[in-house]
Amino acid sequence: MTKKITINGNNIYDIDSFYAEINRVFMADEEWQIGSNLDAFNDLLYGGFGAIKNNEKIQLLWSNVDKCKEALGYKTTKTYYEEKLKPGTPFNREYFQTKLSALENGTGETYFDMLMAIISEHPNIELLR
């Protein structure tokens, strides 16, 4: 049997609100929440905790996805990379500078694109829009 999970796109307007929605939907029965990063989101989709218990079949309905595509688009992604490049941050500056340059040149992925790529790596998850 396929489990159905719905992400409410109306609750998403930036990266933090995306993770708030993900925690609301996927982590409601847990006593902890995932952090606001792509690796944590990827780990969540593998299952074993939260709403996905194992490698079970999931239909993931993401409502108002076009709104989210814009909210997690160029401007948000540019800010995300610029935060990673601030002096004193522990991140790989060369990596994030390359990502920012690609974004600015129109060849890079937005945060939304990165989320879509992560979801597509999980064959047990069918994304419905």
N, C-alpha and C. Protein backbone atom coordinates (compact mmCIF):
# COMPACT_ATOMS: atom_id res chain seq x y z
N MET A 1 0.84 -1.19 0.00
CA MET A 1 0.00 0.00 0.00
C MET A 1 0.88 1.25 0.00
N THR A 2 0.48 2.22 -0.78
CA THR A 2 1.25 3.46 -0.90
C THR A 2 0.76 4.47 0.13
N LYS A 3 1.71 5.04 0.86
CA LYS A 3 1.39 6.08 1.83
C LYS A 3 1.33 7.42 1.12
N LYS A 4 0.36 8.24 1.48
CA LYS A 4 0.19 9.56 0.87
C LYS A 4 0.60 10.63 1.89
N ILE A 5 1.46 11.53 1.45
CA ILE A 5 1.95 12.62 2.30
C ILE A 5 1.76 13.92 1.51
N THR A 6 1.27 14.97 2.17
CA THR A 6 1.02 16.24 1.49
C THR A 6 1.84 17.35 2.11
N ILE A 7 2.57 18.06 1.26
CA ILE A 7 3.27 19.29 1.64
C ILE A 7 2.39 20.44 1.19
N ASN A 8 2.05 21.34 2.11
CA ASN A 8 1.23 22.50 1.78
C ASN A 8 2.13 23.65 1.36
N GLY A 9 2.16 23.89 0.05
CA GLY A 9 3.00 24.94 -0.49
C GLY A 9 2.65 26.33 -0.01
N ASN A 10 1.43 26.54 0.47
CA ASN A 10 1.05 27.85 1.00
C ASN A 10 1.82 28.20 2.26
N ASN A 11 2.41 27.19 2.92
CA ASN A 11 3.18 27.42 4.14
C ASN A 11 4.65 27.73 3.86
N ILE A 12 5.03 27.74 2.58
CA ILE A 12 6.45 27.87 2.22
C ILE A 12 6.69 29.19 1.50
N TYR A 13 7.56 30.01 2.07
CA TYR A 13 7.90 31.30 1.46
C TYR A 13 9.39 31.58 1.50
N ASP A 14 10.17 30.69 2.12
CA ASP A 14 11.63 30.79 2.15
C ASP A 14 12.18 29.44 2.63
N ILE A 15 13.48 29.36 2.80
CA ILE A 15 14.10 28.09 3.19
C ILE A 15 13.66 27.66 4.59
N ASP A 16 13.66 28.57 5.54
CA ASP A 16 13.26 28.21 6.90
C ASP A 16 11.82 27.69 6.95
N SER A 17 10.92 28.35 6.21
CA SER A 17 9.53 27.90 6.22
C SER A 17 9.37 26.56 5.49
N PHE A 18 10.23 26.27 4.52
CA PHE A 18 10.21 24.95 3.88
C PHE A 18 10.49 23.88 4.93
N TYR A 19 11.54 24.07 5.73
CA TYR A 19 11.88 23.07 6.74
C TYR A 19 10.84 23.02 7.87
N ALA A 20 10.22 24.13 8.18
CA ALA A 20 9.13 24.11 9.16
C ALA A 20 7.99 23.24 8.65
N GLU A 21 7.66 23.38 7.36
CA GLU A 21 6.60 22.56 6.76
C GLU A 21 7.01 21.09 6.71
N ILE A 22 8.25 20.83 6.35
CA ILE A 22 8.74 19.45 6.29
C ILE A 22 8.68 18.81 7.68
N ASN A 23 9.10 19.54 8.69
CA ASN A 23 9.03 19.01 10.05
C ASN A 23 7.58 18.80 10.50
N ARG A 24 6.69 19.72 10.13
CA ARG A 24 5.28 19.58 10.49
C ARG A 24 4.69 18.32 9.87
N VAL A 25 5.03 18.08 8.62
CA VAL A 25 4.44 16.96 7.89
C VAL A 25 5.12 15.63 8.21
N PHE A 26 6.43 15.61 8.18
CA PHE A 26 7.17 14.36 8.31
C PHE A 26 7.55 13.99 9.74
N MET A 27 7.67 14.96 10.61
CA MET A 27 8.23 14.69 11.94
C MET A 27 7.22 14.89 13.08
N ALA A 28 5.94 14.91 12.77
CA ALA A 28 4.90 15.20 13.76
C ALA A 28 4.92 14.22 14.94
N ASP A 29 5.28 12.96 14.68
CA ASP A 29 5.26 11.96 15.75
C ASP A 29 6.63 11.75 16.41
N GLU A 30 7.59 12.58 16.05
CA GLU A 30 8.92 12.48 16.64
C GLU A 30 9.10 13.56 17.72
N GLU A 31 10.03 13.34 18.59
CA GLU A 31 10.32 14.32 19.65
C GLU A 31 11.44 15.27 19.24
N TRP A 32 11.87 15.20 18.03
CA TRP A 32 12.94 16.05 17.51
C TRP A 32 12.59 16.43 16.08
N GLN A 33 13.32 17.36 15.52
CA GLN A 33 13.08 17.82 14.16
C GLN A 33 14.39 17.81 13.37
N ILE A 34 14.26 17.72 12.05
CA ILE A 34 15.46 17.77 11.22
C ILE A 34 15.94 19.21 11.11
N GLY A 35 17.21 19.37 10.86
CA GLY A 35 17.79 20.69 10.68
C GLY A 35 17.49 21.24 9.30
N SER A 36 17.75 22.51 9.15
CA SER A 36 17.46 23.21 7.89
C SER A 36 18.63 23.05 6.92
N ASN A 37 18.78 21.85 6.38
CA ASN A 37 19.82 21.64 5.37
C ASN A 37 19.44 20.51 4.43
N LEU A 38 20.03 20.54 3.27
CA LEU A 38 19.70 19.58 2.21
C LEU A 38 20.04 18.15 2.59
N ASP A 39 21.13 17.94 3.31
CA ASP A 39 21.51 16.59 3.73
C ASP A 39 20.45 16.00 4.66
N ALA A 40 19.94 16.80 5.56
CA ALA A 40 18.90 16.33 6.49
C ALA A 40 17.63 15.96 5.73
N PHE A 41 17.26 16.77 4.76
CA PHE A 41 16.09 16.47 3.94
C PHE A 41 16.28 15.15 3.19
N ASN A 42 17.44 14.97 2.61
CA ASN A 42 17.76 13.73 1.90
C ASN A 42 17.67 12.54 2.85
N ASP A 43 18.27 12.65 4.03
CA ASP A 43 18.21 11.57 5.02
C ASP A 43 16.78 11.23 5.39
N LEU A 44 15.95 12.24 5.55
CA LEU A 44 14.55 12.05 5.90
C LEU A 44 13.84 11.18 4.87
N LEU A 45 14.14 11.41 3.60
CA LEU A 45 13.47 10.68 2.53
C LEU A 45 13.91 9.22 2.43
N TYR A 46 15.07 8.89 3.01
CA TYR A 46 15.48 7.49 3.05
C TYR A 46 14.61 6.70 4.01
N GLY A 47 14.01 7.38 4.98
CA GLY A 47 13.13 6.71 5.92
C GLY A 47 13.87 6.19 7.13
N GLY A 48 13.10 5.52 7.98
CA GLY A 48 13.65 4.99 9.22
C GLY A 48 13.26 5.84 10.41
N PHE A 49 12.75 7.02 10.16
CA PHE A 49 12.25 7.91 11.21
C PHE A 49 11.23 8.83 10.58
N GLY A 50 10.44 9.46 11.41
CA GLY A 50 9.42 10.36 10.89
C GLY A 50 8.32 9.60 10.16
N ALA A 51 7.71 10.23 9.18
CA ALA A 51 6.57 9.65 8.46
C ALA A 51 6.96 8.49 7.55
N ILE A 52 8.21 8.42 7.14
CA ILE A 52 8.66 7.32 6.28
C ILE A 52 9.43 6.34 7.15
N LYS A 53 8.81 5.20 7.38
CA LYS A 53 9.41 4.24 8.32
C LYS A 53 10.54 3.43 7.71
N ASN A 54 10.40 3.06 6.47
CA ASN A 54 11.43 2.30 5.77
C ASN A 54 11.46 2.78 4.32
N ASN A 55 11.73 1.88 3.42
CA ASN A 55 11.77 2.23 2.01
C ASN A 55 10.38 2.02 1.38
N GLU A 56 9.34 2.41 2.12
CA GLU A 56 7.97 2.20 1.66
C GLU A 56 7.63 3.14 0.51
N LYS A 57 6.63 2.76 -0.28
CA LYS A 57 6.17 3.58 -1.39
C LYS A 57 5.43 4.80 -0.85
N ILE A 58 5.80 5.97 -1.38
CA ILE A 58 5.21 7.24 -0.94
C ILE A 58 4.69 8.00 -2.15
N GLN A 59 3.48 8.52 -2.05
CA GLN A 59 2.99 9.52 -2.99
C GLN A 59 3.10 10.85 -2.26
N LEU A 60 3.97 11.70 -2.74
CA LEU A 60 4.21 12.99 -2.12
C LEU A 60 3.50 14.06 -2.93
N LEU A 61 2.40 14.55 -2.40
CA LEU A 61 1.65 15.62 -3.06
C LEU A 61 2.17 16.94 -2.52
N TRP A 62 2.67 17.77 -3.42
CA TRP A 62 3.18 19.09 -3.04
C TRP A 62 2.23 20.10 -3.66
N SER A 63 1.33 20.63 -2.85
CA SER A 63 0.36 21.59 -3.36
C SER A 63 1.01 22.96 -3.56
N ASN A 64 0.48 23.71 -4.50
CA ASN A 64 0.97 25.06 -4.81
C ASN A 64 2.48 25.07 -5.06
N VAL A 65 2.94 24.08 -5.78
CA VAL A 65 4.37 23.93 -6.03
C VAL A 65 4.95 25.11 -6.82
N ASP A 66 4.15 25.71 -7.70
CA ASP A 66 4.66 26.85 -8.47
C ASP A 66 5.01 28.03 -7.56
N LYS A 67 4.21 28.24 -6.52
CA LYS A 67 4.50 29.28 -5.53
C LYS A 67 5.84 28.98 -4.85
N CYS A 68 6.07 27.73 -4.53
CA CYS A 68 7.31 27.33 -3.86
C CYS A 68 8.51 27.44 -4.79
N LYS A 69 8.29 27.13 -6.06
CA LYS A 69 9.38 27.24 -7.03
C LYS A 69 9.89 28.68 -7.08
N GLU A 70 8.97 29.63 -7.01
CA GLU A 70 9.37 31.04 -6.99
C GLU A 70 9.98 31.42 -5.64
N ALA A 71 9.36 30.98 -4.55
CA ALA A 71 9.84 31.32 -3.21
C ALA A 71 11.24 30.77 -2.94
N LEU A 72 11.55 29.62 -3.53
CA LEU A 72 12.85 28.97 -3.34
C LEU A 72 13.70 29.09 -4.61
N GLY A 73 13.46 30.15 -5.35
CA GLY A 73 14.11 30.36 -6.62
C GLY A 73 15.40 31.16 -6.53
N TYR A 74 15.65 31.95 -7.56
CA TYR A 74 16.92 32.66 -7.73
C TYR A 74 17.27 33.54 -6.53
N LYS A 75 16.37 34.41 -6.14
CA LYS A 75 16.68 35.37 -5.07
C LYS A 75 17.02 34.67 -3.75
N THR A 76 16.20 33.70 -3.38
CA THR A 76 16.43 32.95 -2.14
C THR A 76 17.74 32.18 -2.21
N THR A 77 18.00 31.58 -3.36
CA THR A 77 19.23 30.79 -3.53
C THR A 77 20.46 31.68 -3.48
N LYS A 78 20.38 32.83 -4.10
CA LYS A 78 21.51 33.78 -4.08
C LYS A 78 21.82 34.18 -2.64
N THR A 79 20.80 34.49 -1.88
CA THR A 79 20.99 34.84 -0.47
C THR A 79 21.58 33.67 0.31
N TYR A 80 21.11 32.47 0.03
CA TYR A 80 21.62 31.26 0.68
C TYR A 80 23.12 31.11 0.44
N TYR A 81 23.55 31.27 -0.81
CA TYR A 81 24.98 31.17 -1.12
C TYR A 81 25.77 32.31 -0.50
N GLU A 82 25.24 33.51 -0.53
CA GLU A 82 25.95 34.66 0.06
C GLU A 82 26.14 34.48 1.56
N GLU A 83 25.18 33.87 2.23
CA GLU A 83 25.32 33.58 3.66
C GLU A 83 26.46 32.60 3.90
N LYS A 84 26.59 31.61 3.02
CA LYS A 84 27.66 30.62 3.15
C LYS A 84 29.03 31.24 2.92
N LEU A 85 29.07 32.36 2.19
CA LEU A 85 30.34 33.00 1.83
C LEU A 85 30.76 34.12 2.78
N LYS A 86 29.95 34.39 3.80
CA LYS A 86 30.31 35.46 4.74
C LYS A 86 31.60 35.10 5.47
N PRO A 87 32.39 36.11 5.78
CA PRO A 87 33.63 35.86 6.53
C PRO A 87 33.35 35.14 7.85
N GLY A 88 34.19 34.17 8.15
CA GLY A 88 34.09 33.45 9.40
C GLY A 88 33.19 32.23 9.36
N THR A 89 32.49 32.00 8.26
CA THR A 89 31.66 30.80 8.18
C THR A 89 32.55 29.59 7.91
N PRO A 90 32.14 28.42 8.38
CA PRO A 90 32.98 27.22 8.23
C PRO A 90 32.82 26.50 6.90
N PHE A 91 32.12 27.09 5.96
CA PHE A 91 31.79 26.40 4.72
C PHE A 91 32.91 26.50 3.69
N ASN A 92 32.88 25.61 2.74
CA ASN A 92 33.85 25.56 1.65
C ASN A 92 33.57 26.74 0.71
N ARG A 93 34.33 27.79 0.88
CA ARG A 93 34.10 29.04 0.15
C ARG A 93 34.21 28.85 -1.37
N GLU A 94 35.21 28.09 -1.80
CA GLU A 94 35.40 27.88 -3.24
C GLU A 94 34.17 27.18 -3.84
N TYR A 95 33.67 26.17 -3.15
CA TYR A 95 32.50 25.43 -3.62
C TYR A 95 31.29 26.36 -3.76
N PHE A 96 31.01 27.14 -2.71
CA PHE A 96 29.83 27.99 -2.74
C PHE A 96 30.00 29.18 -3.68
N GLN A 97 31.22 29.65 -3.88
CA GLN A 97 31.45 30.71 -4.85
C GLN A 97 31.18 30.19 -6.26
N THR A 98 31.60 28.96 -6.54
CA THR A 98 31.33 28.34 -7.84
C THR A 98 29.83 28.18 -8.05
N LYS A 99 29.12 27.74 -7.02
CA LYS A 99 27.66 27.58 -7.11
C LYS A 99 26.97 28.93 -7.34
N LEU A 100 27.43 29.96 -6.63
CA LEU A 100 26.85 31.29 -6.78
C LEU A 100 27.11 31.82 -8.19
N SER A 101 28.32 31.66 -8.68
CA SER A 101 28.65 32.13 -10.03
C SER A 101 27.79 31.44 -11.08
N ALA A 102 27.60 30.14 -10.93
CA ALA A 102 26.75 29.40 -11.88
C ALA A 102 25.32 29.91 -11.82
N LEU A 103 24.82 30.17 -10.63
CA LEU A 103 23.46 30.70 -10.48
C LEU A 103 23.35 32.04 -11.18
N GLU A 104 24.31 32.91 -10.93
CA GLU A 104 24.29 34.26 -11.52
C GLU A 104 24.43 34.22 -13.05
N ASN A 105 25.10 33.19 -13.56
CA ASN A 105 25.28 33.03 -15.01
C ASN A 105 24.09 32.34 -15.67
N GLY A 106 23.12 31.92 -14.85
CA GLY A 106 21.94 31.26 -15.39
C GLY A 106 22.11 29.78 -15.64
N THR A 107 23.20 29.19 -15.17
CA THR A 107 23.44 27.77 -15.38
C THR A 107 23.34 26.96 -14.09
N GLY A 108 23.17 27.63 -12.96
CA GLY A 108 23.14 26.95 -11.68
C GLY A 108 21.74 26.58 -11.24
N GLU A 109 21.69 25.69 -10.27
CA GLU A 109 20.42 25.24 -9.71
C GLU A 109 19.94 26.21 -8.63
N THR A 110 18.63 26.36 -8.57
CA THR A 110 18.04 27.09 -7.45
C THR A 110 17.87 26.10 -6.30
N TYR A 111 17.53 26.62 -5.13
CA TYR A 111 17.27 25.75 -3.98
C TYR A 111 16.13 24.80 -4.31
N PHE A 112 15.12 25.29 -5.00
CA PHE A 112 14.00 24.45 -5.42
C PHE A 112 14.49 23.33 -6.32
N ASP A 113 15.35 23.65 -7.28
CA ASP A 113 15.91 22.63 -8.18
C ASP A 113 16.65 21.57 -7.38
N MET A 114 17.39 21.99 -6.37
CA MET A 114 18.14 21.03 -5.55
C MET A 114 17.19 20.10 -4.79
N LEU A 115 16.09 20.65 -4.29
CA LEU A 115 15.09 19.82 -3.60
C LEU A 115 14.48 18.80 -4.56
N MET A 116 14.17 19.24 -5.77
CA MET A 116 13.59 18.34 -6.77
C MET A 116 14.57 17.21 -7.12
N ALA A 117 15.85 17.56 -7.22
CA ALA A 117 16.87 16.55 -7.53
C ALA A 117 16.96 15.52 -6.40
N ILE A 118 16.89 15.98 -5.17
CA ILE A 118 16.94 15.06 -4.02
C ILE A 118 15.74 14.13 -4.05
N ILE A 119 14.56 14.68 -4.26
CA ILE A 119 13.35 13.84 -4.30
C ILE A 119 13.47 12.80 -5.42
N SER A 120 13.98 13.21 -6.57
CA SER A 120 14.07 12.30 -7.71
C SER A 120 15.06 11.14 -7.47
N GLU A 121 15.96 11.30 -6.52
CA GLU A 121 16.93 10.24 -6.21
C GLU A 121 16.32 9.12 -5.38
N HIS A 122 15.07 9.27 -4.98
CA HIS A 122 14.39 8.28 -4.13
C HIS A 122 13.30 7.59 -4.94
N PRO A 123 13.61 6.41 -5.51
CA PRO A 123 12.66 5.74 -6.39
C PRO A 123 11.36 5.33 -5.71
N ASN A 124 11.34 5.26 -4.42
CA ASN A 124 10.12 4.91 -3.71
C ASN A 124 9.16 6.09 -3.54
N ILE A 125 9.60 7.28 -3.94
CA ILE A 125 8.78 8.49 -3.78
C ILE A 125 8.30 8.97 -5.14
N GLU A 126 6.98 9.06 -5.26
CA GLU A 126 6.35 9.61 -6.46
C GLU A 126 5.88 11.01 -6.13
N LEU A 127 6.45 12.00 -6.80
CA LEU A 127 6.07 13.39 -6.55
C LEU A 127 4.89 13.76 -7.43
N LEU A 128 3.83 14.23 -6.78
CA LEU A 128 2.64 14.71 -7.47
C LEU A 128 2.54 16.20 -7.23
N ARG A 129 2.22 16.94 -8.29
CA ARG A 129 2.12 18.38 -8.15
C ARG A 129 0.71 18.83 -8.43
